[in-house]
Amino acid sequence: MRSVGRRRLDGSALDDQGRLARTAALMRGTAALVPRGVYRFTSFEEADRWMNEMILRTRERRNLKTSSASAEP
């Protein structure tokens, strides 16, 4: 087997995965994008509309936390 370069193993892969998951959760601002539960839809289009609405609602709630005076135009 041929290898090119060297791979450094500074930490375990689980530590890296945990760090990435925590960073993604902090950037998202909330634990979930949509409410938990079981939902039934009559079509895929209805399910897609509902999913988009829930994601947008989560984004709107997150944006309300930002003060309008914190950013200058």
PDB file of N, CA and C in Angstrom:
ATOM      1  N   MET A   1       0.841  -1.167   0.000  1.00  0.00           N
ATOM      2  CA  MET A   1       0.000   0.000   0.000  1.00  0.00           C
ATOM      3  C   MET A   1       0.892   1.238   0.000  1.00  0.00           C
ATOM      4  N   ARG A   2       0.517   2.214  -0.790  1.00  0.00           N
ATOM      5  CA  ARG A   2       1.271   3.458  -0.853  1.00  0.00           C
ATOM      6  C   ARG A   2       0.561   4.521  -0.039  1.00  0.00           C
ATOM      7  N   SER A   3       1.328   5.353   0.596  1.00  0.00           N
ATOM      8  CA  SER A   3       0.744   6.482   1.325  1.00  0.00           C
ATOM      9  C   SER A   3       1.469   7.748   0.914  1.00  0.00           C
ATOM     10  N   VAL A   4       0.707   8.816   0.834  1.00  0.00           N
ATOM     11  CA  VAL A   4       1.261  10.111   0.459  1.00  0.00           C
ATOM     12  C   VAL A   4       1.062  11.043   1.631  1.00  0.00           C
ATOM     13  N   GLY A   5       2.114  11.624   2.125  1.00  0.00           N
ATOM     14  CA  GLY A   5       2.020  12.534   3.259  1.00  0.00           C
ATOM     15  C   GLY A   5       1.895  11.786   4.565  1.00  0.00           C
ATOM     16  N   ARG A   6       1.703  12.542   5.608  1.00  0.00           N
ATOM     17  CA  ARG A   6       1.547  11.951   6.934  1.00  0.00           C
ATOM     18  C   ARG A   6       0.327  12.525   7.601  1.00  0.00           C
ATOM     19  N   ARG A   7      -0.378  11.683   8.277  1.00  0.00           N
ATOM     20  CA  ARG A   7      -1.568  12.115   8.999  1.00  0.00           C
ATOM     21  C   ARG A   7      -1.223  12.249  10.472  1.00  0.00           C
ATOM     22  N   ARG A   8      -1.506  13.410  11.020  1.00  0.00           N
ATOM     23  CA  ARG A   8      -1.249  13.633  12.441  1.00  0.00           C
ATOM     24  C   ARG A   8      -2.514  13.305  13.220  1.00  0.00           C
ATOM     25  N   LEU A   9      -2.352  12.598  14.295  1.00  0.00           N
ATOM     26  CA  LEU A   9      -3.471  12.259  15.158  1.00  0.00           C
ATOM     27  C   LEU A   9      -3.299  13.002  16.476  1.00  0.00           C
ATOM     28  N   ASP A  10      -3.768  14.255  16.520  1.00  0.00           N
ATOM     29  CA  ASP A  10      -3.626  15.080  17.714  1.00  0.00           C
ATOM     30  C   ASP A  10      -4.654  14.737  18.780  1.00  0.00           C
ATOM     31  N   GLY A  11      -5.820  14.308  18.398  1.00  0.00           N
ATOM     32  CA  GLY A  11      -6.891  13.981  19.343  1.00  0.00           C
ATOM     33  C   GLY A  11      -7.755  12.890  18.764  1.00  0.00           C
ATOM     34  N   SER A  12      -8.719  12.469  19.523  1.00  0.00           N
ATOM     35  CA  SER A  12      -9.576  11.395  19.008  1.00  0.00           C
ATOM     36  C   SER A  12     -10.650  11.964  18.086  1.00  0.00           C
ATOM     37  N   ALA A  13     -11.146  11.119  17.223  1.00  0.00           N
ATOM     38  CA  ALA A  13     -12.177  11.537  16.277  1.00  0.00           C
ATOM     39  C   ALA A  13     -13.471  11.895  17.000  1.00  0.00           C
ATOM     40  N   LEU A  14     -13.758  11.234  18.128  1.00  0.00           N
ATOM     41  CA  LEU A  14     -14.975  11.552  18.875  1.00  0.00           C
ATOM     42  C   LEU A  14     -14.923  12.956  19.463  1.00  0.00           C
ATOM     43  N   ASP A  15     -13.763  13.386  19.907  1.00  0.00           N
ATOM     44  CA  ASP A  15     -13.620  14.757  20.412  1.00  0.00           C
ATOM     45  C   ASP A  15     -13.898  15.768  19.307  1.00  0.00           C
ATOM     46  N   ASP A  16     -13.358  15.494  18.123  1.00  0.00           N
ATOM     47  CA  ASP A  16     -13.581  16.390  16.986  1.00  0.00           C
ATOM     48  C   ASP A  16     -15.047  16.435  16.598  1.00  0.00           C
ATOM     49  N   GLN A  17     -15.709  15.281  16.599  1.00  0.00           N
ATOM     50  CA  GLN A  17     -17.123  15.230  16.243  1.00  0.00           C
ATOM     51  C   GLN A  17     -17.957  15.984  17.267  1.00  0.00           C
ATOM     52  N   GLY A  18     -17.645  15.840  18.532  1.00  0.00           N
ATOM     53  CA  GLY A  18     -18.373  16.552  19.577  1.00  0.00           C
ATOM     54  C   GLY A  18     -18.194  18.051  19.468  1.00  0.00           C
ATOM     55  N   ARG A  19     -16.992  18.472  19.166  1.00  0.00           N
ATOM     56  CA  ARG A  19     -16.704  19.898  18.997  1.00  0.00           C
ATOM     57  C   ARG A  19     -17.492  20.454  17.814  1.00  0.00           C
ATOM     58  N   LEU A  20     -17.542  19.704  16.715  1.00  0.00           N
ATOM     59  CA  LEU A  20     -18.298  20.136  15.538  1.00  0.00           C
ATOM     60  C   LEU A  20     -19.795  20.222  15.844  1.00  0.00           C
ATOM     61  N   ALA A  21     -20.327  19.247  16.571  1.00  0.00           N
ATOM     62  CA  ALA A  21     -21.753  19.254  16.916  1.00  0.00           C
ATOM     63  C   ALA A  21     -22.087  20.437  17.822  1.00  0.00           C
ATOM     64  N   ARG A  22     -21.225  20.743  18.793  1.00  0.00           N
ATOM     65  CA  ARG A  22     -21.467  21.900  19.677  1.00  0.00           C
ATOM     66  C   ARG A  22     -21.414  23.204  18.906  1.00  0.00           C
ATOM     67  N   THR A  23     -20.474  23.316  17.975  1.00  0.00           N
ATOM     68  CA  THR A  23     -20.367  24.525  17.159  1.00  0.00           C
ATOM     69  C   THR A  23     -21.606  24.712  16.298  1.00  0.00           C
ATOM     70  N   ALA A  24     -22.087  23.626  15.684  1.00  0.00           N
ATOM     71  CA  ALA A  24     -23.292  23.712  14.850  1.00  0.00           C
ATOM     72  C   ALA A  24     -24.503  24.107  15.685  1.00  0.00           C
ATOM     73  N   ALA A  25     -24.624  23.576  16.908  1.00  0.00           N
ATOM     74  CA  ALA A  25     -25.752  23.926  17.772  1.00  0.00           C
ATOM     75  C   ALA A  25     -25.690  25.386  18.182  1.00  0.00           C
ATOM     76  N   LEU A  26     -24.498  25.889  18.455  1.00  0.00           N
ATOM     77  CA  LEU A  26     -24.366  27.308  18.819  1.00  0.00           C
ATOM     78  C   LEU A  26     -24.719  28.214  17.651  1.00  0.00           C
ATOM     79  N   MET A  27     -24.305  27.834  16.457  1.00  0.00           N
ATOM     80  CA  MET A  27     -24.615  28.650  15.285  1.00  0.00           C
ATOM     81  C   MET A  27     -26.099  28.620  14.974  1.00  0.00           C
ATOM     82  N   ARG A  28     -26.730  27.467  15.181  1.00  0.00           N
ATOM     83  CA  ARG A  28     -28.160  27.340  14.906  1.00  0.00           C
ATOM     84  C   ARG A  28     -28.973  28.126  15.919  1.00  0.00           C
ATOM     85  N   GLY A  29     -28.514  28.181  17.164  1.00  0.00           N
ATOM     86  CA  GLY A  29     -29.181  28.982  18.175  1.00  0.00           C
ATOM     87  C   GLY A  29     -30.289  28.277  18.914  1.00  0.00           C
ATOM     88  N   THR A  30     -30.659  27.114  18.493  1.00  0.00           N
ATOM     89  CA  THR A  30     -31.714  26.364  19.152  1.00  0.00           C
ATOM     90  C   THR A  30     -31.429  24.879  18.990  1.00  0.00           C
ATOM     91  N   ALA A  31     -32.019  24.086  19.856  1.00  0.00           N
ATOM     92  CA  ALA A  31     -31.742  22.651  19.806  1.00  0.00           C
ATOM     93  C   ALA A  31     -32.397  21.987  18.599  1.00  0.00           C
ATOM     94  N   ALA A  32     -33.522  22.499  18.147  1.00  0.00           N
ATOM     95  CA  ALA A  32     -34.241  21.846  17.049  1.00  0.00           C
ATOM     96  C   ALA A  32     -34.759  22.882  16.067  1.00  0.00           C
ATOM     97  N   LEU A  33     -34.791  22.508  14.809  1.00  0.00           N
ATOM     98  CA  LEU A  33     -35.346  23.399  13.790  1.00  0.00           C
ATOM     99  C   LEU A  33     -36.852  23.299  13.711  1.00  0.00           C
ATOM    100  N   VAL A  34     -37.382  22.129  14.010  1.00  0.00           N
ATOM    101  CA  VAL A  34     -38.834  21.913  13.944  1.00  0.00           C
ATOM    102  C   VAL A  34     -39.292  21.258  15.238  1.00  0.00           C
ATOM    103  N   PRO A  35     -40.582  21.427  15.594  1.00  0.00           N
ATOM    104  CA  PRO A  35     -41.101  20.777  16.791  1.00  0.00           C
ATOM    105  C   PRO A  35     -41.031  19.257  16.665  1.00  0.00           C
ATOM    106  N   ARG A  36     -40.779  18.605  17.783  1.00  0.00           N
ATOM    107  CA  ARG A  36     -40.709  17.146  17.782  1.00  0.00           C
ATOM    108  C   ARG A  36     -42.110  16.555  17.736  1.00  0.00           C
ATOM    109  N   GLY A  37     -42.198  15.374  17.181  1.00  0.00           N
ATOM    110  CA  GLY A  37     -43.476  14.687  17.137  1.00  0.00           C
ATOM    111  C   GLY A  37     -43.658  13.927  15.845  1.00  0.00           C
ATOM    112  N   VAL A  38     -44.809  13.331  15.711  1.00  0.00           N
ATOM    113  CA  VAL A  38     -45.155  12.588  14.501  1.00  0.00           C
ATOM    114  C   VAL A  38     -46.206  13.392  13.762  1.00  0.00           C
ATOM    115  N   TYR A  39     -45.963  13.658  12.508  1.00  0.00           N
ATOM    116  CA  TYR A  39     -46.873  14.468  11.704  1.00  0.00           C
ATOM    117  C   TYR A  39     -47.296  13.667  10.488  1.00  0.00           C
ATOM    118  N   ARG A  40     -48.543  13.823  10.089  1.00  0.00           N
ATOM    119  CA  ARG A  40     -49.069  13.121   8.921  1.00  0.00           C
ATOM    120  C   ARG A  40     -49.549  14.162   7.913  1.00  0.00           C
ATOM    121  N   PHE A  41     -49.139  13.965   6.674  1.00  0.00           N
ATOM    122  CA  PHE A  41     -49.492  14.893   5.609  1.00  0.00           C
ATOM    123  C   PHE A  41     -50.141  14.134   4.472  1.00  0.00           C
ATOM    124  N   THR A  42     -50.962  14.834   3.722  1.00  0.00           N
ATOM    125  CA  THR A  42     -51.646  14.182   2.604  1.00  0.00           C
ATOM    126  C   THR A  42     -50.770  14.120   1.361  1.00  0.00           C
ATOM    127  N   SER A  43     -49.726  14.969   1.298  1.00  0.00           N
ATOM    128  CA  SER A  43     -48.846  14.955   0.130  1.00  0.00           C
ATOM    129  C   SER A  43     -47.449  15.407   0.547  1.00  0.00           C
ATOM    130  N   PHE A  44     -46.489  15.123  -0.310  1.00  0.00           N
ATOM    131  CA  PHE A  44     -45.122  15.569  -0.064  1.00  0.00           C
ATOM    132  C   PHE A  44     -45.030  17.088  -0.134  1.00  0.00           C
ATOM    133  N   GLU A  45     -45.830  17.693  -0.999  1.00  0.00           N
ATOM    134  CA  GLU A  45     -45.818  19.148  -1.126  1.00  0.00           C
ATOM    135  C   GLU A  45     -46.282  19.799   0.184  1.00  0.00           C
ATOM    136  N   GLU A  46     -47.334  19.247   0.791  1.00  0.00           N
ATOM    137  CA  GLU A  46     -47.814  19.776   2.066  1.00  0.00           C
ATOM    138  C   GLU A  46     -46.739  19.617   3.146  1.00  0.00           C
ATOM    139  N   ALA A  47     -46.064  18.497   3.162  1.00  0.00           N
ATOM    140  CA  ALA A  47     -45.000  18.274   4.144  1.00  0.00           C
ATOM    141  C   ALA A  47     -43.847  19.253   3.925  1.00  0.00           C
ATOM    142  N   ASP A  48     -43.490  19.517   2.670  1.00  0.00           N
ATOM    143  CA  ASP A  48     -42.420  20.467   2.370  1.00  0.00           C
ATOM    144  C   ASP A  48     -42.800  21.882   2.794  1.00  0.00           C
ATOM    145  N   ARG A  49     -44.048  22.286   2.540  1.00  0.00           N
ATOM    146  CA  ARG A  49     -44.499  23.618   2.956  1.00  0.00           C
ATOM    147  C   ARG A  49     -44.437  23.756   4.470  1.00  0.00           C
ATOM    148  N   TRP A  50     -44.891  22.724   5.181  1.00  0.00           N
ATOM    149  CA  TRP A  50     -44.875  22.758   6.647  1.00  0.00           C
ATOM    150  C   TRP A  50     -43.447  22.833   7.162  1.00  0.00           C
ATOM    151  N   MET A  51     -42.542  22.036   6.597  1.00  0.00           N
ATOM    152  CA  MET A  51     -41.145  22.042   7.028  1.00  0.00           C
ATOM    153  C   MET A  51     -40.515  23.412   6.803  1.00  0.00           C
ATOM    154  N   ASN A  52     -40.749  24.005   5.652  1.00  0.00           N
ATOM    155  CA  ASN A  52     -40.205  25.341   5.379  1.00  0.00           C
ATOM    156  C   ASN A  52     -40.759  26.371   6.352  1.00  0.00           C
ATOM    157  N   GLU A  53     -42.048  26.288   6.648  1.00  0.00           N
ATOM    158  CA  GLU A  53     -42.666  27.224   7.587  1.00  0.00           C
ATOM    159  C   GLU A  53     -42.057  27.083   8.985  1.00  0.00           C
ATOM    160  N   MET A  54     -41.829  25.879   9.424  1.00  0.00           N
ATOM    161  CA  MET A  54     -41.251  25.656  10.759  1.00  0.00           C
ATOM    162  C   MET A  54     -39.806  26.154  10.833  1.00  0.00           C
ATOM    163  N   ILE A  55     -39.040  25.924   9.783  1.00  0.00           N
ATOM    164  CA  ILE A  55     -37.655  26.400   9.760  1.00  0.00           C
ATOM    165  C   ILE A  55     -37.626  27.918   9.755  1.00  0.00           C
ATOM    166  N   LEU A  56     -38.494  28.544   8.958  1.00  0.00           N
ATOM    167  CA  LEU A  56     -38.541  30.010   8.927  1.00  0.00           C
ATOM    168  C   LEU A  56     -38.982  30.573  10.274  1.00  0.00           C
ATOM    169  N   ARG A  57     -39.941  29.933  10.915  1.00  0.00           N
ATOM    170  CA  ARG A  57     -40.406  30.384  12.221  1.00  0.00           C
ATOM    171  C   ARG A  57     -39.263  30.325  13.248  1.00  0.00           C
ATOM    172  N   THR A  58     -38.471  29.270  13.186  1.00  0.00           N
ATOM    173  CA  THR A  58     -37.321  29.149  14.090  1.00  0.00           C
ATOM    174  C   THR A  58     -36.315  30.253  13.804  1.00  0.00           C
ATOM    175  N   ARG A  59     -36.059  30.527  12.537  1.00  0.00           N
ATOM    176  CA  ARG A  59     -35.114  31.598  12.171  1.00  0.00           C
ATOM    177  C   ARG A  59     -35.619  32.956  12.640  1.00  0.00           C
ATOM    178  N   GLU A  60     -36.932  33.197  12.526  1.00  0.00           N
ATOM    179  CA  GLU A  60     -37.494  34.474  12.969  1.00  0.00           C
ATOM    180  C   GLU A  60     -37.339  34.644  14.473  1.00  0.00           C
ATOM    181  N   ARG A  61     -37.597  33.597  15.228  1.00  0.00           N
ATOM    182  CA  ARG A  61     -37.428  33.680  16.686  1.00  0.00           C
ATOM    183  C   ARG A  61     -35.981  33.934  17.046  1.00  0.00           C
ATOM    184  N   ARG A  62     -35.080  33.347  16.319  1.00  0.00           N
ATOM    185  CA  ARG A  62     -33.655  33.561  16.597  1.00  0.00           C
ATOM    186  C   ARG A  62     -33.252  34.992  16.256  1.00  0.00           C
ATOM    187  N   ASN A  63     -33.766  35.542  15.182  1.00  0.00           N
ATOM    188  CA  ASN A  63     -33.410  36.901  14.770  1.00  0.00           C
ATOM    189  C   ASN A  63     -33.969  37.945  15.725  1.00  0.00           C
ATOM    190  N   LEU A  64     -35.037  37.649  16.456  1.00  0.00           N
ATOM    191  CA  LEU A  64     -35.600  38.602  17.400  1.00  0.00           C
ATOM    192  C   LEU A  64     -34.674  38.838  18.578  1.00  0.00           C
ATOM    193  N   LYS A  65     -33.746  37.935  18.824  1.00  0.00           N
ATOM    194  CA  LYS A  65     -32.805  38.072  19.920  1.00  0.00           C
ATOM    195  C   LYS A  65     -31.740  39.124  19.640  1.00  0.00           C
ATOM    196  N   THR A  66     -31.598  39.517  18.392  1.00  0.00           N
ATOM    197  CA  THR A  66     -30.582  40.485  17.998  1.00  0.00           C
ATOM    198  C   THR A  66     -31.147  41.893  18.133  1.00  0.00           C
ATOM    199  N   SER A  67     -30.449  42.731  18.850  1.00  0.00           N
ATOM    200  CA  SER A  67     -30.892  44.105  19.036  1.00  0.00           C
ATOM    201  C   SER A  67     -30.704  44.890  17.744  1.00  0.00           C
ATOM    202  N   SER A  68     -31.650  45.746  17.422  1.00  0.00           N
ATOM    203  CA  SER A  68     -31.529  46.561  16.216  1.00  0.00           C
ATOM    204  C   SER A  68     -30.431  47.604  16.369  1.00  0.00           C
ATOM    205  N   ALA A  69     -30.097  47.970  17.609  1.00  0.00           N
ATOM    206  CA  ALA A  69     -29.045  48.955  17.833  1.00  0.00           C
ATOM    207  C   ALA A  69     -27.651  48.338  17.811  1.00  0.00           C
ATOM    208  N   SER A  70     -27.566  47.021  17.745  1.00  0.00           N
ATOM    209  CA  SER A  70     -26.257  46.368  17.806  1.00  0.00           C
ATOM    210  C   SER A  70     -25.480  46.487  16.494  1.00  0.00           C
ATOM    211  N   ALA A  71     -26.171  46.706  15.402  1.00  0.00           N
ATOM    212  CA  ALA A  71     -25.495  46.820  14.108  1.00  0.00           C
ATOM    213  C   ALA A  71     -25.826  48.170  13.504  1.00  0.00           C
ATOM    214  N   GLU A  72     -24.769  48.852  13.109  1.00  0.00           N
ATOM    215  CA  GLU A  72     -24.982  50.159  12.474  1.00  0.00           C
ATOM    216  C   GLU A  72     -25.008  49.976  10.968  1.00  0.00           C
ATOM    217  N   PRO A  73     -25.893  50.703  10.277  1.00  0.00           N
ATOM    218  CA  PRO A  73     -25.966  50.600   8.815  1.00  0.00           C
ATOM    219  C   PRO A  73     -24.754  51.160   8.127  1.00  0.00           C
TER     220      PRO A  73
END
